[in-house]
Amino acid sequence: MQDVSKNSAQLYRITYEAYSKFANKISRCQTLKEVGEVSKTHLKYLLNYHIIRLSIEQGDKYLFFSITKSGVDYDFEEKSEMLGHEKDLLEKEIPIYTNNVPMEWLKRNMDTSLLEKPEMWAWLFNNNGRKVTVTLISDKNKAFTVADLEILKLAVDCFEAKFHEIYLAKMLYAKNKSLLEALETIRSKNSEIQNIVNNQKQIIEQRTSEIVEKNKKLLHISVLNAHNIREPLSRIQGLIGLFPHFTNEEIRQDLIPKIETSAEEMDRELQAAIKMATQELKILKIENE
């Protein structure tokens, strides 16, 4: 009896050490691929199985994670891709033990000729509100018993926690990437807006400069009108005022030539002013078209 107790204690210690090593390795994983490598290497020291499959809801899809002797397979699929018994587990929440194994699924994952009296075990675990279905295929050569259920539950807890951590990290990465892209878009738009503002500022400064220059030219034309044209006009008006004091002959010989000279001078100044104003109007019209 003591030998049995001693052997049981030793077996428990070995199992505990194997599980601790497994859990420690899983906790360091960063990707599903790394989880798969650890599972393939260490899970065989904890449980007898040919294949273990977990299905875990991840957002709007399900993660299907299968572990066999030869390797690990995982993918994100729709709920419709669940196996029939997995859907029953979600609906009824009743554990399954049967010799009626899903052969089509098994053939896609392993060499079924190696199985001798295969058995299927399946459970639904609820971890922190996240439902996990677990399917385990064993047989006569790799027997699974109810006594192994506790260590399986511990392993599933490790898987579920790590899967959720990886999922959250993936979501966080996607959110950060989206935020960075949005930030880059905002920066790009701000740069475009700033370029538009700077361009408008340059246009306004250019237009303002042009208006100032045109005002100077208009002022110059006004000065011409005020001085150059006013001067001969004043002389003409002065000469006309002298008409009553002269005879017709004197007017014709003395005043009229002076009036003609002043009129010609005024005409030249008017023509120059008209020409300058016409040129400015043409330039302004072209710029506004």
C-alpha atoms as a PDB file:
ATOM      1  CA  MET A   1       0.000   0.000   0.000  1.00  0.00           C
ATOM      2  CA  GLN A   2       2.854   2.321   0.827  1.00  0.00           C
ATOM      3  CA  ASP A   3       4.450   1.544  -2.531  1.00  0.00           C
ATOM      4  CA  VAL A   4       1.224   2.500  -4.315  1.00  0.00           C
ATOM      5  CA  SER A   5       0.993   5.774  -2.395  1.00  0.00           C
ATOM      6  CA  LYS A   6       4.659   6.439  -3.023  1.00  0.00           C
ATOM      7  CA  ASN A   7       4.265   5.766  -6.735  1.00  0.00           C
ATOM      8  CA  SER A   8       1.165   7.963  -6.894  1.00  0.00           C
ATOM      9  CA  ALA A   9       2.967  10.806  -5.165  1.00  0.00           C
ATOM     10  CA  GLN A  10       5.935  10.441  -7.480  1.00  0.00           C
ATOM     11  CA  LEU A  11       3.670  10.362 -10.530  1.00  0.00           C
ATOM     12  CA  TYR A  12       1.853  13.463  -9.280  1.00  0.00           C
ATOM     13  CA  ARG A  13       5.160  15.259  -8.780  1.00  0.00           C
ATOM     14  CA  ILE A  14       6.373  14.330 -12.263  1.00  0.00           C
ATOM     15  CA  THR A  15       3.072  15.419 -13.790  1.00  0.00           C
ATOM     16  CA  TYR A  16       3.141  18.680 -11.848  1.00  0.00           C
ATOM     17  CA  GLU A  17       6.698  19.401 -12.988  1.00  0.00           C
ATOM     18  CA  ALA A  18       5.776  18.606 -16.596  1.00  0.00           C
ATOM     19  CA  TYR A  19       2.729  20.860 -16.389  1.00  0.00           C
ATOM     20  CA  SER A  20       4.727  23.683 -14.786  1.00  0.00           C
ATOM     21  CA  LYS A  21       7.255  23.486 -17.598  1.00  0.00           C
ATOM     22  CA  PHE A  22       4.465  23.424 -20.187  1.00  0.00           C
ATOM     23  CA  ALA A  23       2.644  26.392 -18.607  1.00  0.00           C
ATOM     24  CA  ASN A  24       5.877  28.373 -18.320  1.00  0.00           C
ATOM     25  CA  LYS A  25       6.686  27.783 -21.987  1.00  0.00           C
ATOM     26  CA  ILE A  26       3.154  28.727 -23.062  1.00  0.00           C
ATOM     27  CA  SER A  27       3.277  31.959 -21.049  1.00  0.00           C
ATOM     28  CA  ARG A  28       6.323  33.084 -23.053  1.00  0.00           C
ATOM     29  CA  CYS A  29       4.712  32.517 -26.452  1.00  0.00           C
ATOM     30  CA  GLN A  30       3.912  35.536 -28.596  1.00  0.00           C
ATOM     31  CA  THR A  31       2.232  33.850 -31.572  1.00  0.00           C
ATOM     32  CA  LEU A  32      -0.035  30.905 -32.323  1.00  0.00           C
ATOM     33  CA  LYS A  33       2.862  29.250 -34.125  1.00  0.00           C
ATOM     34  CA  GLU A  34       4.949  29.366 -30.954  1.00  0.00           C
ATOM     35  CA  VAL A  35       2.028  27.963 -28.944  1.00  0.00           C
ATOM     36  CA  GLY A  36       1.812  25.131 -31.462  1.00  0.00           C
ATOM     37  CA  GLU A  37       5.512  24.302 -31.159  1.00  0.00           C
ATOM     38  CA  VAL A  38       5.326  24.208 -27.354  1.00  0.00           C
ATOM     39  CA  SER A  39       2.167  22.076 -27.464  1.00  0.00           C
ATOM     40  CA  LYS A  40       3.662  19.558 -29.871  1.00  0.00           C
ATOM     41  CA  THR A  41       6.782  19.233 -27.708  1.00  0.00           C
ATOM     42  CA  HIS A  42       5.374  19.210 -24.160  1.00  0.00           C
ATOM     43  CA  LEU A  43       1.705  18.189 -24.163  1.00  0.00           C
ATOM     44  CA  LYS A  44       2.532  14.539 -24.863  1.00  0.00           C
ATOM     45  CA  TYR A  45       4.145  14.313 -21.419  1.00  0.00           C
ATOM     46  CA  LEU A  46       0.873  15.330 -19.766  1.00  0.00           C
ATOM     47  CA  LEU A  47      -1.816  13.473 -21.702  1.00  0.00           C
ATOM     48  CA  ASN A  48      -2.426  10.449 -23.896  1.00  0.00           C
ATOM     49  CA  TYR A  49      -4.070  11.490 -27.160  1.00  0.00           C
ATOM     50  CA  HIS A  50      -3.922  11.174 -30.910  1.00  0.00           C
ATOM     51  CA  ILE A  51      -5.452  14.560 -31.567  1.00  0.00           C
ATOM     52  CA  ILE A  52      -6.758  17.433 -29.469  1.00  0.00           C
ATOM     53  CA  ARG A  53      -8.882  20.156 -31.032  1.00  0.00           C
ATOM     54  CA  LEU A  54      -9.964  23.397 -29.383  1.00  0.00           C
ATOM     55  CA  SER A  55     -12.478  25.881 -30.744  1.00  0.00           C
ATOM     56  CA  ILE A  56     -12.607  29.343 -29.181  1.00  0.00           C
ATOM     57  CA  GLU A  57     -14.706  32.318 -30.186  1.00  0.00           C
ATOM     58  CA  GLN A  58     -12.451  35.210 -31.231  1.00  0.00           C
ATOM     59  CA  GLY A  59     -14.411  38.291 -32.234  1.00  0.00           C
ATOM     60  CA  ASP A  60     -16.735  37.423 -35.110  1.00  0.00           C
ATOM     61  CA  LYS A  61     -14.872  34.188 -35.940  1.00  0.00           C
ATOM     62  CA  TYR A  62     -13.716  30.996 -34.241  1.00  0.00           C
ATOM     63  CA  LEU A  63     -10.147  29.872 -33.702  1.00  0.00           C
ATOM     64  CA  PHE A  64      -9.784  26.158 -34.443  1.00  0.00           C
ATOM     65  CA  PHE A  65      -6.560  24.793 -32.942  1.00  0.00           C
ATOM     66  CA  SER A  66      -5.649  21.128 -33.534  1.00  0.00           C
ATOM     67  CA  ILE A  67      -2.678  19.277 -32.039  1.00  0.00           C
ATOM     68  CA  THR A  68      -1.476  15.917 -33.371  1.00  0.00           C
ATOM     69  CA  LYS A  69       1.681  13.895 -32.976  1.00  0.00           C
ATOM     70  CA  SER A  70       3.000  15.184 -36.300  1.00  0.00           C
ATOM     71  CA  GLY A  71       2.177  18.849 -35.887  1.00  0.00           C
ATOM     72  CA  VAL A  72      -0.252  21.649 -35.178  1.00  0.00           C
ATOM     73  CA  ASP A  73      -2.910  23.235 -37.368  1.00  0.00           C
ATOM     74  CA  TYR A  74      -4.861  26.407 -36.634  1.00  0.00           C
ATOM     75  CA  ASP A  75      -7.118  28.769 -38.517  1.00  0.00           C
ATOM     76  CA  PHE A  76      -9.841  31.367 -38.050  1.00  0.00           C
ATOM     77  CA  GLU A  77     -13.152  30.257 -39.552  1.00  0.00           C
ATOM     78  CA  GLU A  78     -16.860  30.992 -39.386  1.00  0.00           C
ATOM     79  CA  LYS A  79     -19.002  29.244 -36.781  1.00  0.00           C
ATOM     80  CA  SER A  80     -20.496  27.178 -39.599  1.00  0.00           C
ATOM     81  CA  GLU A  81     -17.146  25.348 -39.894  1.00  0.00           C
ATOM     82  CA  MET A  82     -17.556  23.801 -36.435  1.00  0.00           C
ATOM     83  CA  LEU A  83     -17.901  20.033 -36.245  1.00  0.00           C
ATOM     84  CA  GLY A  84     -21.353  18.669 -35.528  1.00  0.00           C
ATOM     85  CA  HIS A  85     -20.575  17.573 -31.981  1.00  0.00           C
ATOM     86  CA  GLU A  86     -19.018  20.995 -31.230  1.00  0.00           C
ATOM     87  CA  LYS A  87     -22.281  22.689 -32.169  1.00  0.00           C
ATOM     88  CA  ASP A  88     -24.102  20.228 -29.892  1.00  0.00           C
ATOM     89  CA  LEU A  89     -21.744  21.103 -27.052  1.00  0.00           C
ATOM     90  CA  LEU A  90     -22.473  24.823 -27.446  1.00  0.00           C
ATOM     91  CA  GLU A  91     -26.193  24.166 -27.525  1.00  0.00           C
ATOM     92  CA  LYS A  92     -26.599  21.465 -24.860  1.00  0.00           C
ATOM     93  CA  GLU A  93     -23.410  21.930 -22.779  1.00  0.00           C
ATOM     94  CA  ILE A  94     -23.286  18.169 -22.106  1.00  0.00           C
ATOM     95  CA  PRO A  95     -19.894  16.341 -22.232  1.00  0.00           C
ATOM     96  CA  ILE A  96     -19.541  13.657 -24.885  1.00  0.00           C
ATOM     97  CA  TYR A  97     -17.911  10.233 -24.759  1.00  0.00           C
ATOM     98  CA  THR A  98     -18.430   7.987 -27.764  1.00  0.00           C
ATOM     99  CA  ASN A  99     -16.845   5.439 -30.089  1.00  0.00           C
ATOM    100  CA  ASN A 100     -18.592   7.158 -32.995  1.00  0.00           C
ATOM    101  CA  VAL A 101     -15.708   9.395 -34.024  1.00  0.00           C
ATOM    102  CA  PRO A 102     -15.854  11.934 -36.925  1.00  0.00           C
ATOM    103  CA  MET A 103     -13.736   9.971 -39.385  1.00  0.00           C
ATOM    104  CA  GLU A 104     -13.832  12.531 -42.209  1.00  0.00           C
ATOM    105  CA  TRP A 105     -12.298  15.141 -39.944  1.00  0.00           C
ATOM    106  CA  LEU A 106      -9.770  12.635 -38.561  1.00  0.00           C
ATOM    107  CA  LYS A 107      -8.648  11.604 -42.053  1.00  0.00           C
ATOM    108  CA  ARG A 108      -7.816  15.224 -42.835  1.00  0.00           C
ATOM    109  CA  ASN A 109      -5.561  15.433 -39.779  1.00  0.00           C
ATOM    110  CA  MET A 110      -3.931  12.034 -39.247  1.00  0.00           C
ATOM    111  CA  ASP A 111      -3.422   8.499 -40.489  1.00  0.00           C
ATOM    112  CA  THR A 112      -6.548   6.787 -39.154  1.00  0.00           C
ATOM    113  CA  SER A 113      -5.079   3.345 -39.820  1.00  0.00           C
ATOM    114  CA  LEU A 114      -3.012   3.862 -36.667  1.00  0.00           C
ATOM    115  CA  LEU A 115      -6.137   4.000 -34.506  1.00  0.00           C
ATOM    116  CA  GLU A 116      -7.270   0.919 -32.593  1.00  0.00           C
ATOM    117  CA  LYS A 117     -10.768   1.218 -31.151  1.00  0.00           C
ATOM    118  CA  PRO A 118     -10.794   5.027 -31.233  1.00  0.00           C
ATOM    119  CA  GLU A 119     -12.771   7.030 -28.691  1.00  0.00           C
ATOM    120  CA  MET A 120     -13.885  10.642 -28.717  1.00  0.00           C
ATOM    121  CA  TRP A 121     -14.099  12.789 -25.622  1.00  0.00           C
ATOM    122  CA  ALA A 122     -15.532  16.301 -25.851  1.00  0.00           C
ATOM    123  CA  TRP A 123     -16.275  19.034 -23.316  1.00  0.00           C
ATOM    124  CA  LEU A 124     -17.431  22.616 -23.159  1.00  0.00           C
ATOM    125  CA  PHE A 125     -15.460  24.798 -20.757  1.00  0.00           C
ATOM    126  CA  ASN A 126     -16.547  28.308 -19.827  1.00  0.00           C
ATOM    127  CA  ASN A 127     -13.541  30.460 -18.981  1.00  0.00           C
ATOM    128  CA  ASN A 128     -14.383  33.993 -17.882  1.00  0.00           C
ATOM    129  CA  GLY A 129     -17.432  34.008 -20.126  1.00  0.00           C
ATOM    130  CA  ARG A 130     -15.462  32.677 -23.108  1.00  0.00           C
ATOM    131  CA  LYS A 131     -16.690  29.267 -24.239  1.00  0.00           C
ATOM    132  CA  VAL A 132     -14.105  26.705 -25.312  1.00  0.00           C
ATOM    133  CA  THR A 133     -14.951  23.343 -26.852  1.00  0.00           C
ATOM    134  CA  VAL A 134     -12.322  20.622 -26.472  1.00  0.00           C
ATOM    135  CA  THR A 135     -12.264  17.413 -28.495  1.00  0.00           C
ATOM    136  CA  LEU A 136      -9.806  14.612 -27.674  1.00  0.00           C
ATOM    137  CA  ILE A 137      -9.342  11.453 -29.715  1.00  0.00           C
ATOM    138  CA  SER A 138      -7.737   8.510 -27.918  1.00  0.00           C
ATOM    139  CA  ASP A 139      -7.653   4.775 -28.499  1.00  0.00           C
ATOM    140  CA  LYS A 140      -6.556   1.525 -26.919  1.00  0.00           C
ATOM    141  CA  ASN A 141      -2.874   2.385 -27.337  1.00  0.00           C
ATOM    142  CA  LYS A 142      -3.201   5.985 -26.151  1.00  0.00           C
ATOM    143  CA  ALA A 143      -5.868   5.688 -23.511  1.00  0.00           C
ATOM    144  CA  PHE A 144      -7.457   8.735 -21.913  1.00  0.00           C
ATOM    145  CA  THR A 145      -9.334   8.379 -18.618  1.00  0.00           C
ATOM    146  CA  VAL A 146     -11.477  10.585 -16.428  1.00  0.00           C
ATOM    147  CA  ALA A 147      -8.497  10.857 -14.090  1.00  0.00           C
ATOM    148  CA  ASP A 148      -6.695  12.863 -16.778  1.00  0.00           C
ATOM    149  CA  LEU A 149      -9.490  15.412 -17.012  1.00  0.00           C
ATOM    150  CA  GLU A 150      -8.070  17.716 -14.344  1.00  0.00           C
ATOM    151  CA  ILE A 151      -4.714  18.091 -16.069  1.00  0.00           C
ATOM    152  CA  LEU A 152      -6.530  18.589 -19.388  1.00  0.00           C
ATOM    153  CA  LYS A 153      -8.596  21.368 -17.818  1.00  0.00           C
ATOM    154  CA  LEU A 154      -5.417  23.070 -16.583  1.00  0.00           C
ATOM    155  CA  ALA A 155      -3.893  22.826 -20.058  1.00  0.00           C
ATOM    156  CA  VAL A 156      -7.061  24.269 -21.616  1.00  0.00           C
ATOM    157  CA  ASP A 157      -6.921  27.179 -19.164  1.00  0.00           C
ATOM    158  CA  CYS A 158      -3.365  27.881 -20.340  1.00  0.00           C
ATOM    159  CA  PHE A 159      -4.399  27.704 -23.970  1.00  0.00           C
ATOM    160  CA  GLU A 160      -7.460  29.896 -23.531  1.00  0.00           C
ATOM    161  CA  ALA A 161      -5.599  32.579 -21.573  1.00  0.00           C
ATOM    162  CA  LYS A 162      -2.762  32.674 -24.113  1.00  0.00           C
ATOM    163  CA  PHE A 163      -5.126  32.668 -27.101  1.00  0.00           C
ATOM    164  CA  HIS A 164      -7.057  35.563 -25.581  1.00  0.00           C
ATOM    165  CA  GLU A 165      -3.826  37.443 -24.899  1.00  0.00           C
ATOM    166  CA  ILE A 166      -2.663  36.946 -28.497  1.00  0.00           C
ATOM    167  CA  TYR A 167      -6.093  37.987 -29.774  1.00  0.00           C
ATOM    168  CA  LEU A 168      -6.066  41.176 -27.688  1.00  0.00           C
ATOM    169  CA  ALA A 169      -2.516  41.943 -28.825  1.00  0.00           C
ATOM    170  CA  LYS A 170      -3.616  41.452 -32.423  1.00  0.00           C
ATOM    171  CA  MET A 171      -6.616  43.742 -31.926  1.00  0.00           C
ATOM    172  CA  LEU A 172      -4.428  46.338 -30.203  1.00  0.00           C
ATOM    173  CA  TYR A 173      -1.930  46.193 -33.052  1.00  0.00           C
ATOM    174  CA  ALA A 174      -4.737  46.634 -35.585  1.00  0.00           C
ATOM    175  CA  LYS A 175      -6.164  49.570 -33.611  1.00  0.00           C
ATOM    176  CA  ASN A 176      -2.749  51.204 -33.282  1.00  0.00           C
ATOM    177  CA  LYS A 177      -2.102  50.695 -36.980  1.00  0.00           C
ATOM    178  CA  SER A 178      -5.474  52.226 -37.796  1.00  0.00           C
ATOM    179  CA  LEU A 179      -4.788  55.174 -35.490  1.00  0.00           C
ATOM    180  CA  LEU A 180      -1.336  55.695 -37.006  1.00  0.00           C
ATOM    181  CA  GLU A 181      -2.833  55.619 -40.495  1.00  0.00           C
ATOM    182  CA  ALA A 182      -5.502  58.107 -39.399  1.00  0.00           C
ATOM    183  CA  LEU A 183      -2.815  60.308 -37.832  1.00  0.00           C
ATOM    184  CA  GLU A 184      -0.779  60.166 -41.023  1.00  0.00           C
ATOM    185  CA  THR A 185      -3.879  61.094 -43.030  1.00  0.00           C
ATOM    186  CA  ILE A 186      -4.541  64.030 -40.702  1.00  0.00           C
ATOM    187  CA  ARG A 187      -0.939  65.177 -41.032  1.00  0.00           C
ATOM    188  CA  SER A 188      -1.140  64.870 -44.802  1.00  0.00           C
ATOM    189  CA  LYS A 189      -4.405  66.827 -44.921  1.00  0.00           C
ATOM    190  CA  ASN A 190      -2.994  69.462 -42.569  1.00  0.00           C
ATOM    191  CA  SER A 191       0.014  69.767 -44.857  1.00  0.00           C
ATOM    192  CA  GLU A 192      -2.276  70.174 -47.866  1.00  0.00           C
ATOM    193  CA  ILE A 193      -4.346  72.779 -46.026  1.00  0.00           C
ATOM    194  CA  GLN A 194      -1.195  74.623 -44.967  1.00  0.00           C
ATOM    195  CA  ASN A 195       0.045  74.606 -48.563  1.00  0.00           C
ATOM    196  CA  ILE A 196      -3.305  75.984 -49.709  1.00  0.00           C
ATOM    197  CA  VAL A 197      -3.189  78.668 -47.013  1.00  0.00           C
ATOM    198  CA  ASN A 198       0.382  79.594 -47.940  1.00  0.00           C
ATOM    199  CA  ASN A 199      -0.538  79.650 -51.618  1.00  0.00           C
ATOM    200  CA  GLN A 200      -3.559  81.835 -50.920  1.00  0.00           C
ATOM    201  CA  LYS A 201      -1.389  84.095 -48.812  1.00  0.00           C
ATOM    202  CA  GLN A 202       1.068  84.464 -51.683  1.00  0.00           C
ATOM    203  CA  ILE A 203      -1.773  85.136 -54.111  1.00  0.00           C
ATOM    204  CA  ILE A 204      -3.257  87.753 -51.770  1.00  0.00           C
ATOM    205  CA  GLU A 205       0.139  89.398 -51.332  1.00  0.00           C
ATOM    206  CA  GLN A 206       0.681  89.357 -55.089  1.00  0.00           C
ATOM    207  CA  ARG A 207      -2.784  90.767 -55.779  1.00  0.00           C
ATOM    208  CA  THR A 208      -2.313  93.396 -53.102  1.00  0.00           C
ATOM    209  CA  SER A 209       1.017  94.378 -54.627  1.00  0.00           C
ATOM    210  CA  GLU A 210      -0.582  94.580 -58.068  1.00  0.00           C
ATOM    211  CA  ILE A 211      -3.430  96.718 -56.732  1.00  0.00           C
ATOM    212  CA  VAL A 212      -0.958  99.037 -55.017  1.00  0.00           C
ATOM    213  CA  GLU A 213       1.013  99.325 -58.246  1.00  0.00           C
ATOM    214  CA  LYS A 214      -2.139 100.028 -60.253  1.00  0.00           C
ATOM    215  CA  ASN A 215      -3.211 102.636 -57.727  1.00  0.00           C
ATOM    216  CA  LYS A 216       0.177 104.293 -58.137  1.00  0.00           C
ATOM    217  CA  LYS A 217      -0.302 104.367 -61.893  1.00  0.00           C
ATOM    218  CA  LEU A 218      -3.830 105.724 -61.524  1.00  0.00           C
ATOM    219  CA  LEU A 219      -2.481 108.354 -59.170  1.00  0.00           C
ATOM    220  CA  HIS A 220       0.164 109.185 -61.744  1.00  0.00           C
ATOM    221  CA  ILE A 221      -2.549 109.567 -64.398  1.00  0.00           C
ATOM    222  CA  SER A 222      -4.502 111.782 -62.024  1.00  0.00           C
ATOM    223  CA  VAL A 223      -1.407 113.926 -61.490  1.00  0.00           C
ATOM    224  CA  LEU A 224      -1.015 114.229 -65.246  1.00  0.00           C
ATOM    225  CA  ASN A 225      -4.612 115.325 -65.519  1.00  0.00           C
ATOM    226  CA  ALA A 226      -4.274 117.730 -62.623  1.00  0.00           C
ATOM    227  CA  HIS A 227      -1.014 119.408 -63.694  1.00  0.00           C
ATOM    228  CA  ASN A 228       0.002 118.720 -67.281  1.00  0.00           C
ATOM    229  CA  ILE A 229      -3.469 119.185 -68.706  1.00  0.00           C
ATOM    230  CA  ARG A 230      -4.593 121.898 -66.324  1.00  0.00           C
ATOM    231  CA  GLU A 231      -1.651 124.164 -67.185  1.00  0.00           C
ATOM    232  CA  PRO A 232      -2.358 124.661 -70.957  1.00  0.00           C
ATOM    233  CA  LEU A 233      -6.074 124.822 -70.210  1.00  0.00           C
ATOM    234  CA  SER A 234      -5.457 127.672 -67.769  1.00  0.00           C
ATOM    235  CA  ARG A 235      -3.417 129.512 -70.385  1.00  0.00           C
ATOM    236  CA  ILE A 236      -6.201 129.135 -72.942  1.00  0.00           C
ATOM    237  CA  GLN A 237      -8.735 130.415 -70.449  1.00  0.00           C
ATOM    238  CA  GLY A 238      -6.462 133.375 -69.642  1.00  0.00           C
ATOM    239  CA  LEU A 239      -5.983 134.243 -73.288  1.00  0.00           C
ATOM    240  CA  ILE A 240      -9.709 134.056 -73.954  1.00  0.00           C
ATOM    241  CA  GLY A 241     -10.195 136.480 -71.079  1.00  0.00           C
ATOM    242  CA  LEU A 242      -8.015 138.996 -72.926  1.00  0.00           C
ATOM    243  CA  PHE A 243     -10.189 139.005 -76.062  1.00  0.00           C
ATOM    244  CA  PRO A 244     -12.266 142.069 -75.049  1.00  0.00           C
ATOM    245  CA  HIS A 245      -9.095 144.171 -74.736  1.00  0.00           C
ATOM    246  CA  PHE A 246      -7.734 143.503 -78.219  1.00  0.00           C
ATOM    247  CA  THR A 247      -8.819 144.308 -81.758  1.00  0.00           C
ATOM    248  CA  ASN A 248      -9.633 141.491 -84.134  1.00  0.00           C
ATOM    249  CA  GLU A 249      -6.327 141.916 -85.935  1.00  0.00           C
ATOM    250  CA  GLU A 250      -4.376 141.795 -82.701  1.00  0.00           C
ATOM    251  CA  ILE A 251      -6.268 138.701 -81.607  1.00  0.00           C
ATOM    252  CA  ARG A 252      -5.519 136.966 -84.871  1.00  0.00           C
ATOM    253  CA  GLN A 253      -1.852 137.844 -84.905  1.00  0.00           C
ATOM    254  CA  ASP A 254      -0.971 137.533 -81.234  1.00  0.00           C
ATOM    255  CA  LEU A 255      -3.495 135.578 -79.141  1.00  0.00           C
ATOM    256  CA  ILE A 256      -4.756 132.911 -81.527  1.00  0.00           C
ATOM    257  CA  PRO A 257      -1.271 131.371 -82.165  1.00  0.00           C
ATOM    258  CA  LYS A 258      -0.749 131.159 -78.419  1.00  0.00           C
ATOM    259  CA  ILE A 259      -4.151 129.543 -77.984  1.00  0.00           C
ATOM    260  CA  GLU A 260      -3.337 127.036 -80.720  1.00  0.00           C
ATOM    261  CA  THR A 261       0.007 126.204 -79.065  1.00  0.00           C
ATOM    262  CA  SER A 262      -1.637 125.672 -75.680  1.00  0.00           C
ATOM    263  CA  ALA A 263      -4.418 123.591 -77.260  1.00  0.00           C
ATOM    264  CA  GLU A 264      -1.871 121.382 -79.037  1.00  0.00           C
ATOM    265  CA  GLU A 265       0.029 120.928 -75.776  1.00  0.00           C
ATOM    266  CA  MET A 266      -3.168 120.009 -73.952  1.00  0.00           C
ATOM    267  CA  ASP A 267      -4.084 117.579 -76.749  1.00  0.00           C
ATOM    268  CA  ARG A 268      -0.710 115.846 -76.443  1.00  0.00           C
ATOM    269  CA  GLU A 269      -1.099 115.486 -72.708  1.00  0.00           C
ATOM    270  CA  LEU A 270      -4.636 114.163 -73.116  1.00  0.00           C
ATOM    271  CA  GLN A 271      -3.495 111.632 -75.730  1.00  0.00           C
ATOM    272  CA  ALA A 272      -0.671 110.485 -73.442  1.00  0.00           C
ATOM    273  CA  ALA A 273      -3.067 110.113 -70.506  1.00  0.00           C
ATOM    274  CA  ILE A 274      -5.626 108.257 -72.638  1.00  0.00           C
ATOM    275  CA  LYS A 275      -2.935 105.932 -74.023  1.00  0.00           C
ATOM    276  CA  MET A 276      -1.598 105.134 -70.561  1.00  0.00           C
ATOM    277  CA  ALA A 277      -5.089 104.544 -69.163  1.00  0.00           C
ATOM    278  CA  THR A 278      -6.000 102.331 -72.153  1.00  0.00           C
ATOM    279  CA  GLN A 279      -2.893 100.184 -71.679  1.00  0.00           C
ATOM    280  CA  GLU A 280      -3.626  99.738 -67.982  1.00  0.00           C
ATOM    281  CA  LEU A 281      -7.226  98.754 -68.727  1.00  0.00           C
ATOM    282  CA  LYS A 282      -6.055  96.155 -71.270  1.00  0.00           C
ATOM    283  CA  ILE A 283      -3.605  94.642 -68.756  1.00  0.00           C
ATOM    284  CA  LEU A 284      -6.287  94.547 -66.062  1.00  0.00           C
ATOM    285  CA  LYS A 285      -8.754  92.884 -68.440  1.00  0.00           C
ATOM    286  CA  ILE A 286      -6.235  90.179 -69.438  1.00  0.00           C
ATOM    287  CA  GLU A 287      -5.400  89.398 -65.796  1.00  0.00           C
ATOM    288  CA  ASN A 288      -9.080  89.068 -64.879  1.00  0.00           C
ATOM    289  CA  GLU A 289      -9.907  86.658 -67.719  1.00  0.00           C
END
